[in-house]
Amino acid sequence: MYKLIQLICLAFAFVSVEGQNIDTVIVNDVYSSYYSYQLHDPLYVCYKLYHGGGDCDRKAFHFKTQNLPYSATPADYKGSGYDEGHLADAKDFASDCIREEETFRFYNCVPQTPRMNRGIWKHFETEIRKASQEDSLFIVCGSIFGNRTMGPDNIAIPEDCWKVVFSLSSKKIVYSFICPNDESDSFSPIEVGELKKRLKYKVIEFNPYLHGE
């Protein structure tokens, strides 16, 4: 199973297009983050989820750079009007405080509007976590970046955030959607093929789920 998870993560890897490329991959026991030094943001993260949720108190947790080069910092977010938006959701790992704390890294967050982060994005996090009570899921989520930046380090601000969720039992897509990073609090379903076009990344073959293997 671990090799399968690695394969799916690598299937989303892409080469440099329009200056957006993976400069480093951070792997811990919670998620894998594919990070861009130029954007100072993760391009996407992926992780496995089964029986997500728990009662860990996150009040003492704060985002850290973990000595990552070209990382965002709290100063970039201060006064920006944007939330530190988790990609791998903290609540998914709240059964283990150590694992939940590992989601508080700047290589696991992007600037999200409060309306989106606390609205439609949170709604789907909750729905996906409910689905994980009955099924083992594999989640890939990331961003589409334009030219907007913020903060002293010129952190890239996503135009949209997207998420694709696979069932590891049925080998089918459970969710695939994209959310504009604005005040609309909206989303659109999106097929993976269309998502690839929107990303404008050269994506390695998406295997095994799109081919039913």
N, C-alpha and C. Protein backbone atom coordinates (compact mmCIF):
# COMPACT_ATOMS: atom_id res chain seq x y z
N MET A 1 0.82 -1.20 0.00
CA MET A 1 0.00 0.00 0.00
C MET A 1 0.87 1.26 0.00
N TYR A 2 1.95 1.24 0.79
CA TYR A 2 2.82 2.43 0.85
C TYR A 2 3.40 2.75 -0.52
N LYS A 3 3.82 1.71 -1.27
CA LYS A 3 4.38 1.94 -2.60
C LYS A 3 3.32 2.50 -3.53
N LEU A 4 2.07 2.04 -3.36
CA LEU A 4 0.98 2.55 -4.18
C LEU A 4 0.76 4.03 -3.92
N ILE A 5 0.79 4.42 -2.63
CA ILE A 5 0.62 5.82 -2.28
C ILE A 5 1.72 6.67 -2.89
N GLN A 6 2.97 6.17 -2.82
CA GLN A 6 4.09 6.90 -3.42
C GLN A 6 3.87 7.06 -4.92
N LEU A 7 3.37 6.00 -5.56
CA LEU A 7 3.14 6.04 -7.01
C LEU A 7 2.13 7.12 -7.37
N ILE A 8 1.05 7.20 -6.59
CA ILE A 8 0.02 8.19 -6.89
C ILE A 8 0.57 9.60 -6.70
N CYS A 9 1.34 9.79 -5.64
CA CYS A 9 1.95 11.12 -5.42
C CYS A 9 2.82 11.50 -6.60
N LEU A 10 3.65 10.56 -7.03
CA LEU A 10 4.55 10.84 -8.14
C LEU A 10 3.79 11.08 -9.43
N ALA A 11 2.61 10.48 -9.54
CA ALA A 11 1.81 10.66 -10.74
C ALA A 11 1.37 12.10 -10.91
N PHE A 12 1.36 12.87 -9.84
CA PHE A 12 0.98 14.27 -9.92
C PHE A 12 2.19 15.17 -10.11
N ALA A 13 3.40 14.61 -10.11
CA ALA A 13 4.58 15.44 -10.24
C ALA A 13 4.63 16.07 -11.62
N PHE A 14 5.20 17.26 -11.71
CA PHE A 14 5.27 17.92 -13.01
C PHE A 14 6.60 18.64 -13.12
N VAL A 15 6.94 18.98 -14.36
CA VAL A 15 8.18 19.69 -14.62
C VAL A 15 7.90 21.18 -14.69
N SER A 16 8.95 21.96 -14.80
CA SER A 16 8.81 23.41 -14.78
C SER A 16 8.01 23.90 -15.98
N VAL A 17 6.96 24.64 -15.72
CA VAL A 17 6.16 25.30 -16.73
C VAL A 17 5.86 26.70 -16.22
N GLU A 18 6.21 27.71 -17.00
CA GLU A 18 5.97 29.10 -16.63
C GLU A 18 6.55 29.42 -15.25
N GLY A 19 7.70 28.86 -14.95
CA GLY A 19 8.39 29.16 -13.72
C GLY A 19 7.88 28.44 -12.49
N GLN A 20 6.82 27.61 -12.64
CA GLN A 20 6.28 26.88 -11.50
C GLN A 20 6.80 25.45 -11.54
N ASN A 21 7.70 25.17 -10.63
CA ASN A 21 8.27 23.82 -10.61
C ASN A 21 8.47 23.37 -9.18
N ILE A 22 8.55 22.08 -9.00
CA ILE A 22 8.80 21.49 -7.69
C ILE A 22 10.28 21.60 -7.41
N ASP A 23 10.63 22.33 -6.35
CA ASP A 23 12.03 22.47 -5.96
C ASP A 23 12.42 21.49 -4.87
N THR A 24 11.45 21.06 -4.08
CA THR A 24 11.74 20.08 -3.04
C THR A 24 10.45 19.37 -2.68
N VAL A 25 10.59 18.14 -2.22
CA VAL A 25 9.45 17.36 -1.74
C VAL A 25 9.69 17.07 -0.27
N ILE A 26 8.77 17.50 0.57
CA ILE A 26 8.87 17.26 2.01
C ILE A 26 7.93 16.12 2.36
N VAL A 27 8.46 15.07 2.93
CA VAL A 27 7.67 13.89 3.27
C VAL A 27 7.75 13.67 4.77
N ASN A 28 6.61 13.60 5.44
CA ASN A 28 6.57 13.21 6.84
C ASN A 28 5.57 12.07 6.99
N ASP A 29 5.23 11.71 8.21
CA ASP A 29 4.33 10.57 8.38
C ASP A 29 2.87 10.96 8.25
N VAL A 30 2.61 12.22 7.83
CA VAL A 30 1.24 12.69 7.67
C VAL A 30 0.91 12.96 6.20
N TYR A 31 1.80 13.64 5.48
CA TYR A 31 1.53 14.03 4.11
C TYR A 31 2.84 14.26 3.38
N SER A 32 2.73 14.39 2.06
CA SER A 32 3.86 14.78 1.21
C SER A 32 3.54 16.13 0.59
N SER A 33 4.51 17.05 0.63
CA SER A 33 4.31 18.40 0.11
C SER A 33 5.28 18.64 -1.04
N TYR A 34 4.74 19.13 -2.15
CA TYR A 34 5.52 19.42 -3.35
C TYR A 34 5.64 20.94 -3.44
N TYR A 35 6.83 21.46 -3.15
CA TYR A 35 7.02 22.86 -2.81
C TYR A 35 7.80 23.63 -3.86
N SER A 36 7.36 24.88 -4.09
CA SER A 36 8.02 25.78 -5.04
C SER A 36 8.75 26.87 -4.29
N TYR A 37 10.07 26.97 -4.47
CA TYR A 37 10.82 28.06 -3.86
C TYR A 37 10.43 29.40 -4.45
N GLN A 38 10.16 29.42 -5.75
CA GLN A 38 9.84 30.68 -6.41
C GLN A 38 8.53 31.26 -5.90
N LEU A 39 7.53 30.40 -5.69
CA LEU A 39 6.23 30.85 -5.24
C LEU A 39 6.16 30.99 -3.72
N HIS A 40 7.11 30.37 -3.02
CA HIS A 40 7.10 30.34 -1.56
C HIS A 40 5.83 29.64 -1.05
N ASP A 41 5.37 28.66 -1.78
CA ASP A 41 4.13 27.95 -1.47
C ASP A 41 4.26 26.49 -1.89
N PRO A 42 3.48 25.60 -1.27
CA PRO A 42 3.34 24.26 -1.83
C PRO A 42 2.48 24.34 -3.09
N LEU A 43 2.85 23.60 -4.09
CA LEU A 43 2.01 23.50 -5.28
C LEU A 43 0.85 22.55 -5.01
N TYR A 44 1.13 21.46 -4.29
CA TYR A 44 0.08 20.56 -3.85
C TYR A 44 0.62 19.66 -2.75
N VAL A 45 -0.27 19.02 -2.04
CA VAL A 45 0.09 18.00 -1.06
C VAL A 45 -0.78 16.77 -1.32
N CYS A 46 -0.33 15.63 -0.82
CA CYS A 46 -1.15 14.42 -0.90
C CYS A 46 -1.00 13.62 0.38
N TYR A 47 -2.08 12.93 0.74
CA TYR A 47 -2.08 12.15 1.97
C TYR A 47 -3.20 11.12 1.97
N LYS A 48 -3.06 10.14 2.84
CA LYS A 48 -4.05 9.10 3.01
C LYS A 48 -4.87 9.41 4.25
N LEU A 49 -6.17 9.10 4.20
CA LEU A 49 -7.05 9.39 5.32
C LEU A 49 -8.02 8.24 5.56
N TYR A 50 -8.05 7.76 6.79
CA TYR A 50 -9.01 6.74 7.20
C TYR A 50 -9.40 7.04 8.65
N HIS A 51 -10.70 7.10 8.91
CA HIS A 51 -11.21 7.45 10.24
C HIS A 51 -10.62 8.79 10.72
N GLY A 52 -10.71 9.80 9.87
CA GLY A 52 -10.19 11.11 10.23
C GLY A 52 -11.00 11.76 11.34
N GLY A 53 -10.37 12.67 12.06
CA GLY A 53 -11.02 13.40 13.12
C GLY A 53 -10.45 13.05 14.49
N GLY A 54 -10.92 13.75 15.50
CA GLY A 54 -10.44 13.53 16.86
C GLY A 54 -10.65 14.75 17.73
N ASP A 55 -10.14 14.70 18.95
CA ASP A 55 -10.41 15.73 19.94
C ASP A 55 -9.18 16.53 20.36
N CYS A 56 -8.09 16.43 19.62
CA CYS A 56 -6.89 17.18 20.00
C CYS A 56 -7.17 18.68 19.97
N ASP A 57 -6.67 19.39 20.96
CA ASP A 57 -6.85 20.84 21.05
C ASP A 57 -5.73 21.52 20.27
N ARG A 58 -6.11 22.27 19.23
CA ARG A 58 -5.13 22.90 18.34
C ARG A 58 -4.80 24.33 18.72
N LYS A 59 -5.33 24.83 19.83
CA LYS A 59 -5.19 26.25 20.15
C LYS A 59 -3.73 26.68 20.30
N ALA A 60 -2.88 25.77 20.74
CA ALA A 60 -1.47 26.14 20.97
C ALA A 60 -0.61 25.99 19.72
N PHE A 61 -1.19 25.50 18.62
CA PHE A 61 -0.41 25.24 17.41
C PHE A 61 -0.30 26.50 16.56
N HIS A 62 0.88 26.71 16.00
CA HIS A 62 1.11 27.84 15.09
C HIS A 62 1.95 27.35 13.92
N PHE A 63 1.78 27.99 12.77
CA PHE A 63 2.53 27.58 11.59
C PHE A 63 4.02 27.87 11.76
N LYS A 64 4.84 26.91 11.30
CA LYS A 64 6.29 26.99 11.41
C LYS A 64 6.93 26.83 10.04
N THR A 65 8.13 27.39 9.90
CA THR A 65 8.87 27.23 8.64
C THR A 65 9.60 25.90 8.60
N GLN A 66 9.93 25.35 9.77
CA GLN A 66 10.72 24.11 9.88
C GLN A 66 12.03 24.23 9.10
N ASN A 67 12.60 25.44 9.11
CA ASN A 67 13.88 25.72 8.44
C ASN A 67 13.85 25.48 6.93
N LEU A 68 12.67 25.55 6.34
CA LEU A 68 12.56 25.38 4.90
C LEU A 68 13.05 26.64 4.18
N PRO A 69 13.98 26.51 3.22
CA PRO A 69 14.41 27.69 2.46
C PRO A 69 13.24 28.28 1.68
N TYR A 70 13.23 29.59 1.55
CA TYR A 70 12.21 30.30 0.78
C TYR A 70 10.80 30.03 1.30
N SER A 71 10.69 29.85 2.60
CA SER A 71 9.39 29.60 3.20
C SER A 71 8.65 30.91 3.44
N ALA A 72 7.33 30.82 3.40
CA ALA A 72 6.52 31.91 3.94
C ALA A 72 6.78 32.00 5.44
N THR A 73 6.46 33.13 6.02
CA THR A 73 6.61 33.34 7.45
C THR A 73 5.35 34.02 7.99
N PRO A 74 5.18 34.07 9.30
CA PRO A 74 4.01 34.78 9.84
C PRO A 74 3.93 36.24 9.38
N ALA A 75 5.08 36.87 9.14
CA ALA A 75 5.08 38.26 8.70
C ALA A 75 4.41 38.44 7.36
N ASP A 76 4.46 37.41 6.50
CA ASP A 76 3.82 37.51 5.19
C ASP A 76 2.30 37.53 5.31
N TYR A 77 1.79 36.87 6.33
CA TYR A 77 0.34 36.80 6.50
C TYR A 77 -0.21 37.94 7.36
N LYS A 78 0.62 38.52 8.22
CA LYS A 78 0.15 39.55 9.13
C LYS A 78 -0.41 40.75 8.37
N GLY A 79 -1.65 41.07 8.65
CA GLY A 79 -2.30 42.21 8.02
C GLY A 79 -2.66 42.03 6.57
N SER A 80 -2.50 40.80 6.04
CA SER A 80 -2.74 40.57 4.61
C SER A 80 -4.21 40.40 4.28
N GLY A 81 -5.00 40.02 5.27
CA GLY A 81 -6.40 39.71 5.00
C GLY A 81 -6.63 38.29 4.57
N TYR A 82 -5.56 37.50 4.47
CA TYR A 82 -5.67 36.10 4.07
C TYR A 82 -5.44 35.17 5.25
N ASP A 83 -6.12 34.02 5.24
CA ASP A 83 -5.89 32.97 6.22
C ASP A 83 -4.71 32.10 5.81
N GLU A 84 -4.08 31.50 6.80
CA GLU A 84 -3.12 30.43 6.55
C GLU A 84 -3.94 29.16 6.29
N GLY A 85 -4.22 28.91 5.03
CA GLY A 85 -5.16 27.86 4.65
C GLY A 85 -4.50 26.50 4.53
N HIS A 86 -4.90 25.58 5.41
CA HIS A 86 -4.36 24.22 5.34
C HIS A 86 -4.71 23.55 4.00
N LEU A 87 -3.78 22.77 3.48
CA LEU A 87 -4.09 21.85 2.39
C LEU A 87 -4.42 20.48 2.98
N ALA A 88 -3.45 19.83 3.65
CA ALA A 88 -3.79 18.66 4.46
C ALA A 88 -4.45 19.19 5.73
N ASP A 89 -5.72 18.88 5.91
CA ASP A 89 -6.52 19.49 6.97
C ASP A 89 -6.07 19.02 8.36
N ALA A 90 -5.93 19.98 9.28
CA ALA A 90 -5.49 19.65 10.64
C ALA A 90 -6.47 18.71 11.33
N LYS A 91 -7.76 18.99 11.21
CA LYS A 91 -8.78 18.20 11.91
C LYS A 91 -8.76 16.74 11.48
N ASP A 92 -8.31 16.48 10.26
CA ASP A 92 -8.23 15.09 9.80
C ASP A 92 -7.35 14.24 10.71
N PHE A 93 -6.39 14.87 11.38
CA PHE A 93 -5.40 14.13 12.17
C PHE A 93 -5.52 14.43 13.66
N ALA A 94 -6.70 14.92 14.07
CA ALA A 94 -6.87 15.36 15.45
C ALA A 94 -6.98 14.23 16.46
N SER A 95 -6.89 12.99 16.02
CA SER A 95 -6.83 11.87 16.96
C SER A 95 -5.44 11.71 17.55
N ASP A 96 -4.47 12.40 16.98
CA ASP A 96 -3.07 12.31 17.42
C ASP A 96 -2.50 13.73 17.39
N CYS A 97 -2.25 14.32 18.56
CA CYS A 97 -1.82 15.72 18.62
C CYS A 97 -0.49 15.96 17.92
N ILE A 98 0.40 14.97 17.94
CA ILE A 98 1.69 15.12 17.28
C ILE A 98 1.49 15.21 15.77
N ARG A 99 0.64 14.34 15.24
CA ARG A 99 0.39 14.35 13.80
C ARG A 99 -0.38 15.60 13.39
N GLU A 100 -1.34 16.01 14.21
CA GLU A 100 -2.08 17.23 13.87
C GLU A 100 -1.15 18.43 13.85
N GLU A 101 -0.23 18.50 14.81
CA GLU A 101 0.70 19.63 14.85
C GLU A 101 1.56 19.69 13.60
N GLU A 102 1.85 18.54 13.00
CA GLU A 102 2.68 18.51 11.79
C GLU A 102 1.97 19.13 10.59
N THR A 103 0.67 19.33 10.67
CA THR A 103 -0.01 20.01 9.57
C THR A 103 0.21 21.52 9.63
N PHE A 104 0.72 22.02 10.75
CA PHE A 104 0.96 23.46 10.90
C PHE A 104 2.37 23.82 10.43
N ARG A 105 2.56 23.67 9.13
CA ARG A 105 3.81 24.01 8.47
C ARG A 105 3.48 24.88 7.27
N PHE A 106 4.35 25.83 6.96
CA PHE A 106 4.08 26.69 5.82
C PHE A 106 4.18 25.94 4.50
N TYR A 107 4.76 24.76 4.50
CA TYR A 107 4.74 23.95 3.27
C TYR A 107 3.45 23.14 3.18
N ASN A 108 2.50 23.40 4.07
CA ASN A 108 1.18 22.77 4.00
C ASN A 108 0.08 23.82 4.01
N CYS A 109 0.39 25.05 3.65
CA CYS A 109 -0.67 26.05 3.62
C CYS A 109 -0.41 27.05 2.50
N VAL A 110 -1.50 27.66 2.06
CA VAL A 110 -1.44 28.73 1.06
C VAL A 110 -2.38 29.85 1.52
N PRO A 111 -2.18 31.08 1.03
CA PRO A 111 -3.09 32.16 1.39
C PRO A 111 -4.49 31.90 0.82
N GLN A 112 -5.47 31.82 1.70
CA GLN A 112 -6.86 31.64 1.29
C GLN A 112 -7.70 32.75 1.90
N THR A 113 -8.69 33.23 1.16
CA THR A 113 -9.59 34.22 1.73
C THR A 113 -10.34 33.58 2.90
N PRO A 114 -10.62 34.34 3.95
CA PRO A 114 -11.41 33.79 5.06
C PRO A 114 -12.75 33.22 4.60
N ARG A 115 -13.36 33.89 3.62
CA ARG A 115 -14.66 33.42 3.11
C ARG A 115 -14.55 32.02 2.53
N MET A 116 -13.53 31.77 1.78
CA MET A 116 -13.34 30.44 1.19
C MET A 116 -12.87 29.43 2.22
N ASN A 117 -11.83 29.81 2.98
CA ASN A 117 -11.21 28.88 3.92
C ASN A 117 -12.19 28.40 4.99
N ARG A 118 -13.02 29.32 5.47
CA ARG A 118 -13.94 28.99 6.56
C ARG A 118 -15.32 28.63 6.05
N GLY A 119 -15.48 28.70 4.72
CA GLY A 119 -16.76 28.40 4.10
C GLY A 119 -16.74 27.10 3.32
N ILE A 120 -16.69 27.21 1.99
CA ILE A 120 -16.82 26.04 1.14
C ILE A 120 -15.66 25.05 1.32
N TRP A 121 -14.44 25.56 1.53
CA TRP A 121 -13.29 24.67 1.72
C TRP A 121 -13.48 23.84 2.99
N LYS A 122 -13.90 24.49 4.06
CA LYS A 122 -14.15 23.79 5.33
C LYS A 122 -15.31 22.80 5.18
N HIS A 123 -16.34 23.20 4.45
CA HIS A 123 -17.47 22.30 4.21
C HIS A 123 -17.01 20.99 3.60
N PHE A 124 -16.18 21.08 2.57
CA PHE A 124 -15.72 19.84 1.93
C PHE A 124 -14.76 19.07 2.82
N GLU A 125 -13.95 19.76 3.61
CA GLU A 125 -13.09 19.06 4.56
C GLU A 125 -13.93 18.20 5.50
N THR A 126 -15.04 18.76 5.96
CA THR A 126 -15.94 18.04 6.86
C THR A 126 -16.58 16.85 6.16
N GLU A 127 -17.06 17.06 4.93
CA GLU A 127 -17.70 15.97 4.19
C GLU A 127 -16.72 14.85 3.88
N ILE A 128 -15.51 15.21 3.52
CA ILE A 128 -14.50 14.20 3.20
C ILE A 128 -14.12 13.41 4.46
N ARG A 129 -14.03 14.11 5.57
CA ARG A 129 -13.72 13.43 6.82
C ARG A 129 -14.84 12.45 7.19
N LYS A 130 -16.09 12.82 6.95
CA LYS A 130 -17.20 11.89 7.18
C LYS A 130 -17.06 10.67 6.29
N ALA A 131 -16.70 10.87 5.04
CA ALA A 131 -16.54 9.75 4.11
C ALA A 131 -15.42 8.81 4.57
N SER A 132 -14.41 9.38 5.23
CA SER A 132 -13.27 8.56 5.68
C SER A 132 -13.63 7.63 6.83
N GLN A 133 -14.80 7.82 7.43
CA GLN A 133 -15.23 6.90 8.49
C GLN A 133 -15.61 5.54 7.93
N GLU A 134 -15.96 5.52 6.64
CA GLU A 134 -16.40 4.29 6.00
C GLU A 134 -15.44 3.78 4.94
N ASP A 135 -14.46 4.59 4.57
CA ASP A 135 -13.61 4.22 3.44
C ASP A 135 -12.21 4.81 3.64
N SER A 136 -11.23 4.13 3.10
CA SER A 136 -9.86 4.64 3.08
C SER A 136 -9.69 5.51 1.85
N LEU A 137 -9.27 6.75 2.07
CA LEU A 137 -9.22 7.73 0.99
C LEU A 137 -7.79 8.18 0.72
N PHE A 138 -7.57 8.58 -0.51
CA PHE A 138 -6.31 9.23 -0.87
C PHE A 138 -6.65 10.60 -1.43
N ILE A 139 -6.03 11.64 -0.87
CA ILE A 139 -6.41 13.01 -1.16
C ILE A 139 -5.23 13.76 -1.77
N VAL A 140 -5.49 14.45 -2.85
CA VAL A 140 -4.51 15.32 -3.49
C VAL A 140 -5.14 16.70 -3.60
N CYS A 141 -4.47 17.73 -3.08
CA CYS A 141 -5.05 19.07 -3.17
C CYS A 141 -3.95 20.10 -3.38
N GLY A 142 -4.31 21.14 -4.12
CA GLY A 142 -3.31 22.15 -4.45
C GLY A 142 -3.95 23.42 -4.96
N SER A 143 -3.17 24.18 -5.70
CA SER A 143 -3.59 25.53 -6.09
C SER A 143 -3.25 25.82 -7.55
N ILE A 144 -3.96 26.78 -8.09
CA ILE A 144 -3.63 27.37 -9.38
C ILE A 144 -3.20 28.82 -9.09
N PHE A 145 -2.01 29.15 -9.52
CA PHE A 145 -1.44 30.46 -9.19
C PHE A 145 -1.45 31.38 -10.41
N GLY A 146 -1.71 32.65 -10.13
CA GLY A 146 -1.58 33.68 -11.15
C GLY A 146 -0.39 34.55 -10.84
N ASN A 147 -0.60 35.86 -10.81
CA ASN A 147 0.50 36.79 -10.58
C ASN A 147 0.41 37.55 -9.27
N ARG A 148 -0.61 37.26 -8.47
CA ARG A 148 -0.79 38.00 -7.22
C ARG A 148 0.17 37.51 -6.15
N THR A 149 0.70 38.43 -5.39
CA THR A 149 1.60 38.09 -4.28
C THR A 149 1.26 38.96 -3.07
N MET A 150 1.86 38.61 -1.94
CA MET A 150 1.65 39.39 -0.73
C MET A 150 2.85 39.25 0.18
N GLY A 151 2.97 40.18 1.14
CA GLY A 151 3.97 40.07 2.19
C GLY A 151 5.36 40.46 1.75
N PRO A 152 6.27 40.59 2.73
CA PRO A 152 7.66 40.98 2.41
C PRO A 152 8.40 39.97 1.57
N ASP A 153 7.94 38.71 1.56
CA ASP A 153 8.61 37.68 0.76
C ASP A 153 7.92 37.41 -0.56
N ASN A 154 6.91 38.20 -0.89
CA ASN A 154 6.17 38.03 -2.15
C ASN A 154 5.62 36.62 -2.30
N ILE A 155 4.85 36.21 -1.30
CA ILE A 155 4.21 34.91 -1.31
C ILE A 155 3.13 34.89 -2.38
N ALA A 156 3.12 33.86 -3.21
CA ALA A 156 2.10 33.75 -4.26
C ALA A 156 0.73 33.48 -3.65
N ILE A 157 -0.28 34.16 -4.18
CA ILE A 157 -1.67 33.98 -3.75
C ILE A 157 -2.40 33.14 -4.80
N PRO A 158 -2.99 32.02 -4.43
CA PRO A 158 -3.71 31.20 -5.42
C PRO A 158 -4.90 31.95 -6.01
N GLU A 159 -5.14 31.70 -7.29
CA GLU A 159 -6.38 32.14 -7.91
C GLU A 159 -7.50 31.16 -7.58
N ASP A 160 -7.15 29.88 -7.52
CA ASP A 160 -8.10 28.82 -7.20
C ASP A 160 -7.40 27.75 -6.38
N CYS A 161 -8.18 27.02 -5.61
CA CYS A 161 -7.68 25.83 -4.91
C CYS A 161 -8.52 24.63 -5.34
N TRP A 162 -7.89 23.48 -5.45
CA TRP A 162 -8.59 22.30 -5.97
C TRP A 162 -8.29 21.09 -5.08
N LYS A 163 -9.16 20.10 -5.20
CA LYS A 163 -8.99 18.88 -4.42
C LYS A 163 -9.57 17.70 -5.18
N VAL A 164 -8.84 16.59 -5.18
CA VAL A 164 -9.30 15.34 -5.78
C VAL A 164 -9.16 14.26 -4.73
N VAL A 165 -10.24 13.49 -4.52
CA VAL A 165 -10.27 12.47 -3.49
C VAL A 165 -10.60 11.12 -4.13
N PHE A 166 -9.76 10.13 -3.86
CA PHE A 166 -9.93 8.79 -4.40
C PHE A 166 -10.33 7.83 -3.29
N SER A 167 -11.19 6.88 -3.62
CA SER A 167 -11.47 5.76 -2.74
C SER A 167 -10.43 4.68 -3.02
N LEU A 168 -9.71 4.26 -1.98
CA LEU A 168 -8.70 3.22 -2.16
C LEU A 168 -9.33 1.83 -2.22
N SER A 169 -10.61 1.74 -1.88
CA SER A 169 -11.29 0.44 -1.97
C SER A 169 -11.96 0.25 -3.33
N SER A 170 -12.70 1.26 -3.77
CA SER A 170 -13.41 1.14 -5.05
C SER A 170 -12.56 1.57 -6.23
N LYS A 171 -11.43 2.28 -5.95
CA LYS A 171 -10.56 2.82 -7.00
C LYS A 171 -11.32 3.79 -7.91
N LYS A 172 -12.18 4.56 -7.28
CA LYS A 172 -12.94 5.57 -8.00
C LYS A 172 -12.74 6.94 -7.36
N ILE A 173 -13.00 7.98 -8.14
CA ILE A 173 -12.93 9.33 -7.63
C ILE A 173 -14.19 9.63 -6.83
N VAL A 174 -14.02 10.08 -5.61
CA VAL A 174 -15.14 10.41 -4.74
C VAL A 174 -15.51 11.89 -4.87
N TYR A 175 -14.50 12.74 -4.89
CA TYR A 175 -14.69 14.18 -5.06
C TYR A 175 -13.63 14.69 -6.02
N SER A 176 -14.01 15.65 -6.82
CA SER A 176 -13.06 16.38 -7.65
C SER A 176 -13.67 17.76 -7.90
N PHE A 177 -13.07 18.80 -7.31
CA PHE A 177 -13.68 20.12 -7.38
C PHE A 177 -12.62 21.21 -7.31
N ILE A 178 -13.03 22.41 -7.67
CA ILE A 178 -12.16 23.57 -7.65
C ILE A 178 -12.93 24.74 -7.05
N CYS A 179 -12.24 25.54 -6.24
CA CYS A 179 -12.86 26.67 -5.55
C CYS A 179 -12.12 27.95 -5.90
N PRO A 180 -12.81 28.99 -6.36
CA PRO A 180 -12.14 30.27 -6.56
C PRO A 180 -11.74 30.86 -5.22
N ASN A 181 -10.53 31.39 -5.16
CA ASN A 181 -10.01 31.96 -3.91
C ASN A 181 -10.44 33.42 -3.82
N ASP A 182 -11.76 33.60 -3.59
CA ASP A 182 -12.32 34.94 -3.55
C ASP A 182 -13.45 34.97 -2.53
N GLU A 183 -14.35 35.91 -2.66
CA GLU A 183 -15.43 36.07 -1.69
C GLU A 183 -16.72 35.36 -2.11
N SER A 184 -16.68 34.56 -3.17
CA SER A 184 -17.90 33.96 -3.68
C SER A 184 -18.37 32.75 -2.87
N ASP A 185 -17.46 32.12 -2.13
CA ASP A 185 -17.78 30.91 -1.35
C ASP A 185 -18.43 29.86 -2.24
N SER A 186 -17.84 29.65 -3.41
CA SER A 186 -18.43 28.75 -4.39
C SER A 186 -17.43 27.68 -4.80
N PHE A 187 -17.93 26.69 -5.53
CA PHE A 187 -17.07 25.64 -6.07
C PHE A 187 -17.66 25.15 -7.37
N SER A 188 -16.85 24.43 -8.12
CA SER A 188 -17.31 23.78 -9.34
C SER A 188 -16.74 22.37 -9.39
N PRO A 189 -17.56 21.36 -9.69
CA PRO A 189 -16.99 20.03 -9.97
C PRO A 189 -16.10 20.13 -11.19
N ILE A 190 -15.06 19.33 -11.21
CA ILE A 190 -14.15 19.37 -12.35
C ILE A 190 -13.59 17.99 -12.61
N GLU A 191 -13.59 17.57 -13.84
CA GLU A 191 -12.98 16.30 -14.20
C GLU A 191 -11.47 16.44 -14.15
N VAL A 192 -10.79 15.34 -13.83
CA VAL A 192 -9.34 15.41 -13.68
C VAL A 192 -8.67 15.84 -14.99
N GLY A 193 -9.19 15.37 -16.10
CA GLY A 193 -8.62 15.77 -17.38
C GLY A 193 -8.69 17.28 -17.59
N GLU A 194 -9.81 17.88 -17.21
CA GLU A 194 -9.96 19.33 -17.32
C GLU A 194 -9.07 20.04 -16.32
N LEU A 195 -8.93 19.45 -15.13
CA LEU A 195 -8.05 20.04 -14.12
C LEU A 195 -6.62 20.11 -14.63
N LYS A 196 -6.16 19.05 -15.26
CA LYS A 196 -4.81 19.05 -15.82
C LYS A 196 -4.62 20.21 -16.78
N LYS A 197 -5.62 20.50 -17.60
CA LYS A 197 -5.52 21.61 -18.53
C LYS A 197 -5.46 22.94 -17.80
N ARG A 198 -6.24 23.05 -16.75
CA ARG A 198 -6.26 24.29 -15.98
C ARG A 198 -4.93 24.52 -15.27
N LEU A 199 -4.32 23.44 -14.82
CA LEU A 199 -3.05 23.56 -14.12
C LEU A 199 -1.93 24.00 -15.06
N LYS A 200 -2.04 23.65 -16.34
CA LYS A 200 -0.99 23.95 -17.31
C LYS A 200 0.34 23.34 -16.89
N TYR A 201 0.27 22.21 -16.26
CA TYR A 201 1.46 21.46 -15.87
C TYR A 201 1.57 20.23 -16.76
N LYS A 202 2.78 19.83 -17.01
CA LYS A 202 2.98 18.57 -17.70
C LYS A 202 2.91 17.47 -16.64
N VAL A 203 1.81 16.76 -16.63
CA VAL A 203 1.54 15.77 -15.58
C VAL A 203 1.90 14.38 -16.07
N ILE A 204 2.64 13.65 -15.23
CA ILE A 204 2.94 12.26 -15.53
C ILE A 204 1.65 11.46 -15.44
N GLU A 205 1.56 10.33 -16.15
CA GLU A 205 0.32 9.55 -16.21
C GLU A 205 -0.27 9.30 -14.83
N PHE A 206 -1.55 9.50 -14.75
CA PHE A 206 -2.31 9.41 -13.52
C PHE A 206 -2.73 7.94 -13.34
N ASN A 207 -2.08 7.22 -12.45
CA ASN A 207 -2.22 5.76 -12.41
C ASN A 207 -2.32 5.32 -10.94
N PRO A 208 -3.20 4.40 -10.57
CA PRO A 208 -3.96 3.51 -11.42
C PRO A 208 -5.42 3.89 -11.62
N TYR A 209 -5.92 4.89 -10.91
CA TYR A 209 -7.36 5.04 -10.80
C TYR A 209 -8.06 5.48 -12.08
N LEU A 210 -7.46 6.34 -12.85
CA LEU A 210 -8.14 6.80 -14.06
C LEU A 210 -8.28 5.72 -15.10
N HIS A 211 -7.51 4.64 -14.93
CA HIS A 211 -7.52 3.57 -15.91
C HIS A 211 -8.13 2.29 -15.35
N GLY A 212 -8.66 2.38 -14.13
CA GLY A 212 -9.36 1.24 -13.55
C GLY A 212 -8.50 0.07 -13.24
N GLU A 213 -7.21 0.30 -13.03
CA GLU A 213 -6.31 -0.81 -12.79
C GLU A 213 -6.28 -1.15 -11.30
